[in-house]
């Protein structure tokens, strides 16, 4: 079984995937980290030196490779992964997908604290972050909503969210 976690940046994918992999004794795979390992460049370096189209092709190749070769793992997707090509269809055909949904206010509060680690937000004023997030969510929600399950993450602990995901698993 492969459990895929999708959602906007700041929704908790990395944190919750770690908790889930520990609780289930599954391997943890972070798609962005796998792309970095394959290309020996950071994500910002890939975008800068090779462009977004190259990055999205690499993302698709690594996604297909993971879905074809791994088992008993938790896959943390990049925030944009579901949006490109027919990635969501491939994800749903080969894994159990969960959309970690958070509202704009929750995401804004989390991301304001993480601006230094978020290149997309580095040059955006704090007061403009909610509008930026709302626009992105509007564009991406149709893709995120294709996930088999949606888990609301607002005002919940990561452990509680992980338990809800486990509750939806067929063999647990």
C-alpha atoms as a PDB file:
ATOM      1  CA  UNK A   1       0.000   0.000   0.000  1.00  0.00           C
ATOM      2  CA  UNK A   2       1.131   3.529  -0.827  1.00  0.00           C
ATOM      3  CA  UNK A   3      -0.460   6.427   1.036  1.00  0.00           C
ATOM      4  CA  UNK A   4      -0.129   9.739  -0.817  1.00  0.00           C
ATOM      5  CA  UNK A   5      -0.550  13.049   1.001  1.00  0.00           C
ATOM      6  CA  UNK A   6      -1.518  16.061  -1.099  1.00  0.00           C
ATOM      7  CA  UNK A   7      -2.231  19.634  -0.112  1.00  0.00           C
ATOM      8  CA  UNK A   8      -1.063  23.199  -0.236  1.00  0.00           C
ATOM      9  CA  UNK A   9       2.259  24.217   1.281  1.00  0.00           C
ATOM     10  CA  UNK A  10       1.835  24.543   5.028  1.00  0.00           C
ATOM     11  CA  UNK A  11      -0.969  21.968   5.162  1.00  0.00           C
ATOM     12  CA  UNK A  12       1.227  19.583   7.159  1.00  0.00           C
ATOM     13  CA  UNK A  13       2.229  17.020   4.529  1.00  0.00           C
ATOM     14  CA  UNK A  14       5.832  16.632   5.726  1.00  0.00           C
ATOM     15  CA  UNK A  15       5.007  16.548   9.431  1.00  0.00           C
ATOM     16  CA  UNK A  16       2.020  14.216   9.124  1.00  0.00           C
ATOM     17  CA  UNK A  17       3.792  11.879   6.683  1.00  0.00           C
ATOM     18  CA  UNK A  18       6.570  11.429   9.266  1.00  0.00           C
ATOM     19  CA  UNK A  19       4.059  10.587  12.021  1.00  0.00           C
ATOM     20  CA  UNK A  20       2.151   8.213   9.719  1.00  0.00           C
ATOM     21  CA  UNK A  21       5.262   6.393   8.543  1.00  0.00           C
ATOM     22  CA  UNK A  22       6.365   5.913  12.164  1.00  0.00           C
ATOM     23  CA  UNK A  23       2.934   4.660  13.322  1.00  0.00           C
ATOM     24  CA  UNK A  24       2.560   2.260  10.389  1.00  0.00           C
ATOM     25  CA  UNK A  25       6.236   1.291  10.163  1.00  0.00           C
ATOM     26  CA  UNK A  26       6.128   2.368   6.506  1.00  0.00           C
ATOM     27  CA  UNK A  27       8.924   3.940   4.514  1.00  0.00           C
ATOM     28  CA  UNK A  28       8.691   7.731   4.205  1.00  0.00           C
ATOM     29  CA  UNK A  29       9.240   9.236   0.751  1.00  0.00           C
ATOM     30  CA  UNK A  30       9.227  12.991   0.150  1.00  0.00           C
ATOM     31  CA  UNK A  31       8.823  13.588  -3.586  1.00  0.00           C
ATOM     32  CA  UNK A  32      10.748  16.885  -3.554  1.00  0.00           C
ATOM     33  CA  UNK A  33      13.664  15.286  -1.679  1.00  0.00           C
ATOM     34  CA  UNK A  34      13.781  12.469  -4.244  1.00  0.00           C
ATOM     35  CA  UNK A  35      13.939  15.028  -7.078  1.00  0.00           C
ATOM     36  CA  UNK A  36      16.780  16.852  -5.277  1.00  0.00           C
ATOM     37  CA  UNK A  37      18.656  13.559  -4.820  1.00  0.00           C
ATOM     38  CA  UNK A  38      18.230  12.598  -8.480  1.00  0.00           C
ATOM     39  CA  UNK A  39      19.342  15.982  -9.844  1.00  0.00           C
ATOM     40  CA  UNK A  40      21.929  16.878  -7.176  1.00  0.00           C
ATOM     41  CA  UNK A  41      20.402  20.380  -7.112  1.00  0.00           C
ATOM     42  CA  UNK A  42      17.974  22.038  -4.697  1.00  0.00           C
ATOM     43  CA  UNK A  43      14.452  22.787  -5.951  1.00  0.00           C
ATOM     44  CA  UNK A  44      15.215  26.538  -6.274  1.00  0.00           C
ATOM     45  CA  UNK A  45      18.420  25.673  -8.182  1.00  0.00           C
ATOM     46  CA  UNK A  46      16.497  23.401 -10.557  1.00  0.00           C
ATOM     47  CA  UNK A  47      13.963  26.180 -11.227  1.00  0.00           C
ATOM     48  CA  UNK A  48      16.727  28.756 -11.708  1.00  0.00           C
ATOM     49  CA  UNK A  49      19.118  26.692 -13.851  1.00  0.00           C
ATOM     50  CA  UNK A  50      16.764  24.415 -15.781  1.00  0.00           C
ATOM     51  CA  UNK A  51      13.310  25.990 -15.491  1.00  0.00           C
ATOM     52  CA  UNK A  52       9.902  24.920 -14.271  1.00  0.00           C
ATOM     53  CA  UNK A  53       9.122  22.712 -17.279  1.00  0.00           C
ATOM     54  CA  UNK A  54      12.240  20.627 -16.579  1.00  0.00           C
ATOM     55  CA  UNK A  55      11.270  20.435 -12.883  1.00  0.00           C
ATOM     56  CA  UNK A  56       7.714  19.285 -13.677  1.00  0.00           C
ATOM     57  CA  UNK A  57       9.055  16.574 -16.018  1.00  0.00           C
ATOM     58  CA  UNK A  58      11.449  15.374 -13.300  1.00  0.00           C
ATOM     59  CA  UNK A  59       8.606  15.462 -10.777  1.00  0.00           C
ATOM     60  CA  UNK A  60       6.475  13.273 -13.053  1.00  0.00           C
ATOM     61  CA  UNK A  61       9.327  10.791 -13.699  1.00  0.00           C
ATOM     62  CA  UNK A  62      10.134  10.427  -9.992  1.00  0.00           C
ATOM     63  CA  UNK A  63       6.418  10.141  -9.124  1.00  0.00           C
ATOM     64  CA  UNK A  64       5.925   7.332 -11.660  1.00  0.00           C
ATOM     65  CA  UNK A  65       9.071   5.561 -10.451  1.00  0.00           C
ATOM     66  CA  UNK A  66       8.003   5.696  -6.791  1.00  0.00           C
ATOM     67  CA  UNK A  67       4.456   4.537  -7.552  1.00  0.00           C
ATOM     68  CA  UNK A  68       5.744   1.651  -9.692  1.00  0.00           C
ATOM     69  CA  UNK A  69       8.463   0.385  -7.370  1.00  0.00           C
ATOM     70  CA  UNK A  70       7.543   1.147  -3.773  1.00  0.00           C
ATOM     71  CA  UNK A  71       5.189  -0.565  -1.356  1.00  0.00           C
ATOM     72  CA  UNK A  72       4.217   0.133   2.240  1.00  0.00           C
ATOM     73  CA  UNK A  73       5.233   3.762   2.103  1.00  0.00           C
ATOM     74  CA  UNK A  74       3.881   7.213   2.833  1.00  0.00           C
ATOM     75  CA  UNK A  75       4.471   9.574  -0.086  1.00  0.00           C
ATOM     76  CA  UNK A  76       4.527  13.292   0.659  1.00  0.00           C
ATOM     77  CA  UNK A  77       3.737  15.089  -2.600  1.00  0.00           C
ATOM     78  CA  UNK A  78       4.828  18.568  -3.584  1.00  0.00           C
ATOM     79  CA  UNK A  79       2.095  21.187  -3.299  1.00  0.00           C
ATOM     80  CA  UNK A  80       1.911  21.536  -7.088  1.00  0.00           C
ATOM     81  CA  UNK A  81       2.323  17.871  -8.024  1.00  0.00           C
ATOM     82  CA  UNK A  82      -1.422  17.119  -8.415  1.00  0.00           C
ATOM     83  CA  UNK A  83      -1.866  20.044 -10.816  1.00  0.00           C
ATOM     84  CA  UNK A  84       0.413  18.943 -13.663  1.00  0.00           C
ATOM     85  CA  UNK A  85      -0.053  16.387 -16.442  1.00  0.00           C
ATOM     86  CA  UNK A  86      -2.549  13.751 -15.292  1.00  0.00           C
ATOM     87  CA  UNK A  87      -0.646  13.268 -12.031  1.00  0.00           C
ATOM     88  CA  UNK A  88      -3.774  13.018  -9.871  1.00  0.00           C
ATOM     89  CA  UNK A  89      -5.137  10.189 -12.015  1.00  0.00           C
ATOM     90  CA  UNK A  90      -1.816   8.321 -11.751  1.00  0.00           C
ATOM     91  CA  UNK A  91      -1.681   8.966  -7.986  1.00  0.00           C
ATOM     92  CA  UNK A  92      -5.241   7.656  -7.512  1.00  0.00           C
ATOM     93  CA  UNK A  93      -4.625   4.575  -9.663  1.00  0.00           C
ATOM     94  CA  UNK A  94      -1.533   3.587  -7.683  1.00  0.00           C
ATOM     95  CA  UNK A  95      -2.073   4.808  -4.134  1.00  0.00           C
ATOM     96  CA  UNK A  96      -4.592   5.802  -1.515  1.00  0.00           C
ATOM     97  CA  UNK A  97      -4.700   9.599  -1.725  1.00  0.00           C
ATOM     98  CA  UNK A  98      -5.504  12.067   1.038  1.00  0.00           C
ATOM     99  CA  UNK A  99      -6.030  15.808   0.659  1.00  0.00           C
ATOM    100  CA  UNK A 100      -4.841  17.610   3.787  1.00  0.00           C
ATOM    101  CA  UNK A 101      -7.161  20.599   3.631  1.00  0.00           C
ATOM    102  CA  UNK A 102      -6.605  23.788   5.598  1.00  0.00           C
ATOM    103  CA  UNK A 103      -8.379  27.101   5.235  1.00  0.00           C
ATOM    104  CA  UNK A 104      -6.689  30.314   4.092  1.00  0.00           C
ATOM    105  CA  UNK A 105      -6.454  31.725   7.624  1.00  0.00           C
ATOM    106  CA  UNK A 106      -4.737  28.586   8.960  1.00  0.00           C
ATOM    107  CA  UNK A 107      -2.322  28.396   6.016  1.00  0.00           C
ATOM    108  CA  UNK A 108      -1.533  32.118   6.267  1.00  0.00           C
ATOM    109  CA  UNK A 109      -0.633  31.880   9.949  1.00  0.00           C
ATOM    110  CA  UNK A 110       1.552  28.814   9.414  1.00  0.00           C
ATOM    111  CA  UNK A 111       3.282  30.187   6.323  1.00  0.00           C
ATOM    112  CA  UNK A 112       4.008  33.654   7.722  1.00  0.00           C
ATOM    113  CA  UNK A 113       6.204  31.882  10.289  1.00  0.00           C
ATOM    114  CA  UNK A 114       7.953  29.884   7.543  1.00  0.00           C
ATOM    115  CA  UNK A 115       8.575  32.622   4.954  1.00  0.00           C
ATOM    116  CA  UNK A 116      12.349  32.183   5.106  1.00  0.00           C
ATOM    117  CA  UNK A 117      11.974  28.530   4.027  1.00  0.00           C
ATOM    118  CA  UNK A 118       9.353  29.243   1.347  1.00  0.00           C
ATOM    119  CA  UNK A 119      10.854  30.831  -1.795  1.00  0.00           C
ATOM    120  CA  UNK A 120       7.400  31.482  -3.281  1.00  0.00           C
ATOM    121  CA  UNK A 121       6.536  33.690  -0.294  1.00  0.00           C
ATOM    122  CA  UNK A 122       9.893  35.333   0.394  1.00  0.00           C
ATOM    123  CA  UNK A 123       9.040  38.575  -1.415  1.00  0.00           C
ATOM    124  CA  UNK A 124       5.375  38.786  -0.424  1.00  0.00           C
ATOM    125  CA  UNK A 125       4.355  41.132   2.384  1.00  0.00           C
ATOM    126  CA  UNK A 126       2.670  39.382   5.329  1.00  0.00           C
ATOM    127  CA  UNK A 127      -0.602  41.227   4.715  1.00  0.00           C
ATOM    128  CA  UNK A 128      -0.656  39.961   1.092  1.00  0.00           C
ATOM    129  CA  UNK A 129      -0.096  36.294   1.942  1.00  0.00           C
ATOM    130  CA  UNK A 130      -3.814  35.429   2.479  1.00  0.00           C
ATOM    131  CA  UNK A 131      -4.723  36.755  -0.980  1.00  0.00           C
ATOM    132  CA  UNK A 132      -1.802  34.882  -2.570  1.00  0.00           C
ATOM    133  CA  UNK A 133      -2.875  31.627  -0.879  1.00  0.00           C
ATOM    134  CA  UNK A 134      -6.558  32.116  -1.715  1.00  0.00           C
ATOM    135  CA  UNK A 135      -5.719  32.569  -5.408  1.00  0.00           C
ATOM    136  CA  UNK A 136      -3.526  29.449  -5.469  1.00  0.00           C
ATOM    137  CA  UNK A 137      -6.116  27.359  -3.621  1.00  0.00           C
ATOM    138  CA  UNK A 138      -8.810  28.482  -6.044  1.00  0.00           C
ATOM    139  CA  UNK A 139      -6.602  27.274  -8.930  1.00  0.00           C
ATOM    140  CA  UNK A 140      -5.583  24.001  -7.274  1.00  0.00           C
ATOM    141  CA  UNK A 141      -8.685  22.842  -5.372  1.00  0.00           C
ATOM    142  CA  UNK A 142     -10.168  20.998  -8.356  1.00  0.00           C
ATOM    143  CA  UNK A 143      -7.043  18.816  -8.399  1.00  0.00           C
ATOM    144  CA  UNK A 144      -6.742  18.390  -4.625  1.00  0.00           C
ATOM    145  CA  UNK A 145     -10.426  17.446  -4.458  1.00  0.00           C
ATOM    146  CA  UNK A 146      -9.750  14.451  -6.718  1.00  0.00           C
ATOM    147  CA  UNK A 147      -8.070  12.753  -3.748  1.00  0.00           C
ATOM    148  CA  UNK A 148      -9.952   9.746  -2.443  1.00  0.00           C
ATOM    149  CA  UNK A 149     -10.227  11.259   1.056  1.00  0.00           C
ATOM    150  CA  UNK A 150     -10.178  14.795   2.411  1.00  0.00           C
ATOM    151  CA  UNK A 151      -8.953  15.440   5.952  1.00  0.00           C
ATOM    152  CA  UNK A 152      -9.489  18.850   7.510  1.00  0.00           C
ATOM    153  CA  UNK A 153      -6.347  19.975   9.347  1.00  0.00           C
ATOM    154  CA  UNK A 154      -7.635  23.233  10.864  1.00  0.00           C
ATOM    155  CA  UNK A 155      -7.258  23.407  14.671  1.00  0.00           C
ATOM    156  CA  UNK A 156      -6.151  19.766  14.920  1.00  0.00           C
ATOM    157  CA  UNK A 157      -2.981  18.117  16.120  1.00  0.00           C
ATOM    158  CA  UNK A 158      -0.820  16.213  13.618  1.00  0.00           C
ATOM    159  CA  UNK A 159      -1.334  13.049  15.698  1.00  0.00           C
ATOM    160  CA  UNK A 160      -5.128  13.402  15.448  1.00  0.00           C
ATOM    161  CA  UNK A 161      -4.881  13.888  11.683  1.00  0.00           C
ATOM    162  CA  UNK A 162      -2.632  10.827  11.337  1.00  0.00           C
ATOM    163  CA  UNK A 163      -5.129   8.742  13.343  1.00  0.00           C
ATOM    164  CA  UNK A 164      -7.976   9.843  11.052  1.00  0.00           C
ATOM    165  CA  UNK A 165      -5.942   8.777   8.006  1.00  0.00           C
ATOM    166  CA  UNK A 166      -5.181   5.395   9.611  1.00  0.00           C
ATOM    167  CA  UNK A 167      -8.909   4.973  10.297  1.00  0.00           C
ATOM    168  CA  UNK A 168      -9.549   5.172   6.519  1.00  0.00           C
ATOM    169  CA  UNK A 169      -6.975   2.515   5.612  1.00  0.00           C
ATOM    170  CA  UNK A 170      -8.484  -0.783   4.433  1.00  0.00           C
ATOM    171  CA  UNK A 171      -6.334  -3.103   6.551  1.00  0.00           C
ATOM    172  CA  UNK A 172      -6.178  -1.103   9.792  1.00  0.00           C
END
